[in-house]
Amino acid sequence: RHFCSVLVVLAAVKGAWQSGFFDQGSFMEVMSSWAQTVVTGRARLGGIPVGVIAVETRTVELVIPADPANLDSEARLVQQAGQVWFPDSAFKTAQAISDFNREHLPLMVFANWRGFSGGMKDMYDQVLKFGAHIVDSLREFRQPVLVYIPPHAELRGGSWVVIDPTINPLYMELYADKESRGGVLEAEGTVEIKFRRKDLLKTMRRIDPIYARLADQLGKPRCTGEREYRNIVKDSCATVGLHMCLF
């Protein structure tokens, strides 16, 4: 539930040792300074060497150095949100998958992505191309791939598409904790598509007697003045103890 470093989950708590997901002292992060919204490395699970891909949930800072050939350029500091695939982190993910396949290592993916970044600059930086590289790398993977959605994690949008087990059904399996969430669309988007405004109003009228009475009174020809409308709303709000509703 708390925003902590994913390294604590994978390795251990420093100081008074507390077990992480993998064997004590076995996790070794690779490509740590590049695309820090994704964590990649190698570890041992019950003595078995595995490749690991996990997600950084915290916001990280990306330093874009100045162009030495341009005297007007300056170094920039860009904030990158956690749980999002940016062009660099998508490329890093695809590269790690390819490396683990060449090393004949099983792959463990801790999935906790909300999707791909969709800004104009990200599109210009080929985020879709690197997302496709993830699919290609998984399709060619010839070792077991376990995708796990941890407790309180979520897998949304295009991130579900690129690690779906149907990409490589012979080697890939997906597991989800009962307290995790997943879906191509988030709840708000699903409601907007499946639950149109007219259906929403019908449901409100059916289950909310106060709204039904308001709708009936406002639909009568005699209720045309603003003062009468305000009185109706006041009376209805007072019924449920909301005397200051809308006023």
Protein backbone atom coordinates (compact mmCIF):
# COMPACT_ATOMS: atom_id res chain seq x y z
CA ARG A 1 0.00 0.00 0.00
CA HIS A 2 2.91 2.35 0.70
CA PHE A 3 5.12 3.94 -1.96
CA CYS A 4 8.51 2.37 -1.34
CA SER A 5 11.34 1.34 -3.60
CA VAL A 6 10.65 -1.77 -5.60
CA LEU A 7 14.15 -2.93 -4.67
CA VAL A 8 12.90 -3.51 -1.13
CA VAL A 9 10.31 -5.92 -2.48
CA LEU A 10 12.76 -7.74 -4.73
CA ALA A 11 15.82 -7.89 -2.50
CA ALA A 12 15.42 -7.11 1.20
CA VAL A 13 15.23 -4.37 3.79
CA LYS A 14 18.62 -2.98 4.70
CA GLY A 15 19.78 -2.99 8.29
CA ALA A 16 17.80 -5.57 10.23
CA TRP A 17 17.42 -8.08 7.41
CA GLN A 18 13.93 -8.87 6.20
CA SER A 19 13.36 -11.26 3.34
CA GLY A 20 12.43 -9.98 -0.10
CA PHE A 21 10.86 -11.98 -2.92
CA PHE A 22 14.13 -13.60 -3.99
CA ASP A 23 16.95 -15.39 -2.17
CA GLN A 24 18.95 -13.27 0.23
CA GLY A 25 21.67 -11.26 -1.50
CA SER A 26 20.96 -12.76 -4.93
CA PHE A 27 19.30 -9.85 -6.72
CA MET A 28 21.63 -7.83 -8.94
CA GLU A 29 20.18 -4.88 -10.81
CA VAL A 30 21.38 -4.17 -14.35
CA MET A 31 21.06 -1.00 -16.44
CA SER A 32 20.16 0.83 -13.22
CA SER A 33 20.97 4.35 -14.42
CA TRP A 34 18.93 4.07 -17.62
CA ALA A 35 15.11 4.39 -17.79
CA GLN A 36 14.59 4.20 -14.05
CA THR A 37 10.80 3.72 -14.22
CA VAL A 38 11.58 0.07 -14.96
CA VAL A 39 13.86 -2.10 -12.81
CA THR A 40 15.64 -5.03 -14.45
CA GLY A 41 18.07 -7.53 -13.00
CA ARG A 42 18.98 -11.11 -12.24
CA ALA A 43 18.28 -13.07 -9.08
CA ARG A 44 17.80 -16.55 -7.66
CA LEU A 45 14.45 -17.94 -6.59
CA GLY A 46 14.89 -21.06 -4.51
CA GLY A 47 18.34 -21.39 -6.00
CA ILE A 48 17.08 -21.12 -9.61
CA PRO A 49 18.56 -18.23 -11.66
CA VAL A 50 15.86 -15.99 -13.12
CA GLY A 51 15.58 -12.70 -14.97
CA VAL A 52 13.51 -10.02 -13.26
CA ILE A 53 11.51 -7.06 -14.60
CA ALA A 54 9.68 -4.84 -12.13
CA VAL A 55 8.11 -1.40 -12.03
CA GLU A 56 9.13 1.71 -10.11
CA THR A 57 6.00 3.25 -8.59
CA ARG A 58 7.64 6.53 -7.58
CA THR A 59 8.26 9.53 -9.81
CA VAL A 60 11.83 9.61 -11.11
CA GLU A 61 13.92 12.38 -12.62
CA LEU A 62 15.42 12.13 -16.09
CA VAL A 63 18.41 14.36 -16.81
CA ILE A 64 18.69 15.41 -20.46
CA PRO A 65 22.22 16.81 -20.96
CA ALA A 66 22.95 19.92 -22.97
CA ASP A 67 23.99 19.54 -26.58
CA PRO A 68 27.69 20.46 -26.75
CA ALA A 69 27.28 21.45 -30.40
CA ASN A 70 24.58 23.99 -29.55
CA LEU A 71 25.69 26.92 -27.40
CA ASP A 72 22.08 27.84 -26.58
CA SER A 73 21.11 24.44 -25.21
CA GLU A 74 20.92 23.71 -21.48
CA ALA A 75 20.59 20.58 -19.40
CA ARG A 76 16.99 19.79 -18.53
CA LEU A 77 15.40 17.85 -15.70
CA VAL A 78 12.27 15.92 -16.71
CA GLN A 79 9.88 14.24 -14.28
CA GLN A 80 8.71 10.75 -15.25
CA ALA A 81 5.72 9.26 -13.46
CA GLY A 82 5.91 5.77 -12.03
CA GLN A 83 3.91 2.84 -13.43
CA VAL A 84 4.16 4.25 -16.97
CA TRP A 85 6.11 2.96 -19.96
CA PHE A 86 8.04 5.79 -21.59
CA PRO A 87 10.06 5.31 -24.80
CA ASP A 88 13.28 4.67 -22.89
CA SER A 89 11.74 2.29 -20.33
CA ALA A 90 9.86 0.36 -23.03
CA PHE A 91 13.13 -0.05 -24.93
CA LYS A 92 14.86 -1.14 -21.73
CA THR A 93 12.15 -3.74 -21.09
CA ALA A 94 12.44 -5.18 -24.59
CA GLN A 95 16.23 -5.25 -24.36
CA ALA A 96 16.16 -7.05 -21.00
CA ILE A 97 13.74 -9.68 -22.31
CA SER A 98 16.00 -10.35 -25.29
CA ASP A 99 19.07 -10.63 -23.04
CA PHE A 100 17.38 -13.10 -20.69
CA ASN A 101 16.27 -15.21 -23.65
CA ARG A 102 19.83 -15.41 -24.97
CA GLU A 103 21.02 -16.43 -21.50
CA HIS A 104 18.28 -19.11 -21.27
CA LEU A 105 16.92 -17.63 -18.06
CA PRO A 106 13.28 -17.93 -16.93
CA LEU A 107 11.61 -14.54 -16.67
CA MET A 108 9.63 -13.13 -13.75
CA VAL A 109 7.63 -9.95 -14.50
CA PHE A 110 6.06 -7.96 -11.67
CA ALA A 111 3.36 -6.14 -13.61
CA ASN A 112 2.15 -2.81 -12.23
CA TRP A 113 1.69 -0.54 -15.26
CA ARG A 114 -1.07 1.96 -16.02
CA GLY A 115 -0.14 2.11 -19.68
CA PHE A 116 2.18 3.83 -22.14
CA SER A 117 2.93 7.53 -22.19
CA GLY A 118 0.90 9.13 -24.94
CA GLY A 119 2.29 12.64 -25.32
CA MET A 120 3.26 14.10 -28.68
CA LYS A 121 6.96 13.99 -27.79
CA ASP A 122 6.67 10.36 -26.68
CA MET A 123 5.08 9.47 -30.01
CA TYR A 124 7.91 11.31 -31.77
CA ASP A 125 10.38 9.30 -29.66
CA GLN A 126 8.79 6.07 -30.98
CA VAL A 127 7.08 4.78 -27.86
CA LEU A 128 4.81 2.60 -30.04
CA LYS A 129 7.80 1.07 -31.80
CA PHE A 130 9.47 0.09 -28.53
CA GLY A 131 6.18 -1.27 -27.21
CA ALA A 132 6.05 -3.49 -30.29
CA HIS A 133 9.62 -4.60 -29.51
CA ILE A 134 8.35 -5.92 -26.16
CA VAL A 135 5.78 -8.05 -27.97
CA ASP A 136 8.40 -9.33 -30.44
CA SER A 137 10.81 -10.21 -27.64
CA LEU A 138 8.15 -12.13 -25.71
CA ARG A 139 6.98 -13.93 -28.84
CA GLU A 140 10.51 -15.22 -29.42
CA PHE A 141 11.10 -16.13 -25.75
CA ARG A 142 11.81 -19.84 -25.26
CA GLN A 143 11.95 -20.00 -21.46
CA PRO A 144 9.13 -19.90 -18.88
CA VAL A 145 7.66 -16.43 -18.40
CA LEU A 146 5.65 -15.75 -15.22
CA VAL A 147 3.72 -12.46 -15.16
CA TYR A 148 2.49 -11.59 -11.68
CA ILE A 149 0.24 -8.68 -10.66
CA PRO A 150 1.08 -8.08 -6.96
CA PRO A 151 -1.41 -6.99 -4.26
CA HIS A 152 -2.78 -3.44 -4.80
CA ALA A 153 -1.08 -3.29 -8.22
CA GLU A 154 -2.86 -2.61 -11.50
CA LEU A 155 -2.41 -3.49 -15.15
CA ARG A 156 -4.19 -1.10 -17.48
CA GLY A 157 -4.41 0.02 -21.07
CA GLY A 158 -1.80 -0.94 -23.62
CA SER A 159 0.42 -2.40 -20.92
CA TRP A 160 -1.95 -5.37 -20.65
CA VAL A 161 -1.77 -5.93 -24.40
CA VAL A 162 2.01 -6.23 -24.65
CA ILE A 163 2.38 -8.81 -21.85
CA ASP A 164 -0.77 -10.83 -22.43
CA PRO A 165 -0.04 -14.59 -22.25
CA THR A 166 -1.66 -15.16 -25.64
CA ILE A 167 1.47 -13.62 -27.19
CA ASN A 168 3.38 -16.82 -26.37
CA PRO A 169 0.89 -19.27 -24.81
CA LEU A 170 3.35 -22.16 -24.71
CA TYR A 171 5.73 -20.37 -22.33
CA MET A 172 3.79 -17.50 -20.72
CA GLU A 173 1.44 -17.58 -17.73
CA LEU A 174 -0.22 -14.70 -15.90
CA TYR A 175 -1.17 -14.68 -12.21
CA ALA A 176 -2.95 -11.95 -10.29
CA ASP A 177 -3.41 -11.39 -6.57
CA LYS A 178 -7.02 -11.19 -5.45
CA GLU A 179 -6.44 -7.59 -4.34
CA SER A 180 -4.93 -6.48 -7.67
CA ARG A 181 -6.78 -4.79 -10.51
CA GLY A 182 -6.58 -5.09 -14.26
CA GLY A 183 -8.32 -4.22 -17.49
CA VAL A 184 -7.73 -2.57 -20.84
CA LEU A 185 -9.91 0.38 -19.78
CA GLU A 186 -10.01 2.00 -16.37
CA ALA A 187 -13.32 2.01 -14.54
CA GLU A 188 -14.22 5.58 -15.57
CA GLY A 189 -13.67 4.85 -19.25
CA THR A 190 -15.68 1.65 -19.11
CA VAL A 191 -18.62 3.42 -17.51
CA GLU A 192 -18.60 6.18 -20.14
CA ILE A 193 -18.76 3.62 -22.93
CA LYS A 194 -21.14 1.06 -21.43
CA PHE A 195 -23.35 3.36 -19.36
CA ARG A 196 -24.65 6.18 -21.52
CA ARG A 197 -26.23 9.31 -20.06
CA LYS A 198 -29.81 8.23 -20.75
CA ASP A 199 -29.17 4.88 -19.02
CA LEU A 200 -27.55 6.68 -16.11
CA LEU A 201 -30.58 8.95 -15.67
CA LYS A 202 -32.95 5.99 -15.79
CA THR A 203 -30.96 4.22 -13.08
CA MET A 204 -30.85 7.36 -10.90
CA ARG A 205 -34.61 7.73 -11.24
CA ARG A 206 -35.14 4.10 -10.26
CA ILE A 207 -32.89 3.92 -7.17
CA ASP A 208 -32.98 7.52 -5.84
CA PRO A 209 -36.45 8.64 -4.66
CA ILE A 210 -35.29 12.21 -4.08
CA TYR A 211 -34.03 12.53 -7.64
CA ALA A 212 -37.23 10.93 -8.95
CA ARG A 213 -39.39 13.46 -7.08
CA LEU A 214 -37.23 16.35 -8.29
CA ALA A 215 -37.47 15.14 -11.88
CA ASP A 216 -41.22 14.84 -11.64
CA GLN A 217 -41.65 18.32 -10.13
CA LEU A 218 -39.25 19.97 -12.56
CA GLY A 219 -41.02 18.30 -15.45
CA LYS A 220 -44.35 19.93 -14.60
CA PRO A 221 -45.28 23.11 -16.57
CA ARG A 222 -45.92 25.14 -13.43
CA CYS A 223 -42.32 24.76 -12.22
CA THR A 224 -40.63 27.33 -14.43
CA GLY A 225 -39.30 29.98 -12.06
CA GLU A 226 -35.83 29.91 -10.50
CA ARG A 227 -37.22 30.61 -7.02
CA GLU A 228 -39.61 27.66 -7.20
CA TYR A 229 -36.80 25.46 -8.46
CA ARG A 230 -34.60 26.46 -5.53
CA ASN A 231 -37.41 25.75 -3.08
CA ILE A 232 -37.90 22.28 -4.51
CA VAL A 233 -34.20 21.53 -4.21
CA LYS A 234 -34.12 22.89 -0.64
CA ASP A 235 -37.03 20.72 0.40
CA SER A 236 -35.47 17.65 -1.13
CA CYS A 237 -32.07 18.28 0.43
CA ALA A 238 -33.66 18.89 3.83
CA THR A 239 -35.19 15.44 3.59
CA VAL A 240 -31.75 13.91 3.81
CA GLY A 241 -30.30 16.54 6.13
CA LEU A 242 -28.36 18.51 3.48
CA HIS A 243 -29.77 21.97 4.24
CA MET A 244 -26.90 23.76 2.53
CA CYS A 245 -27.02 21.69 -0.65
CA LEU A 246 -26.27 23.81 -3.71
CA PHE A 247 -26.64 27.06 -1.70
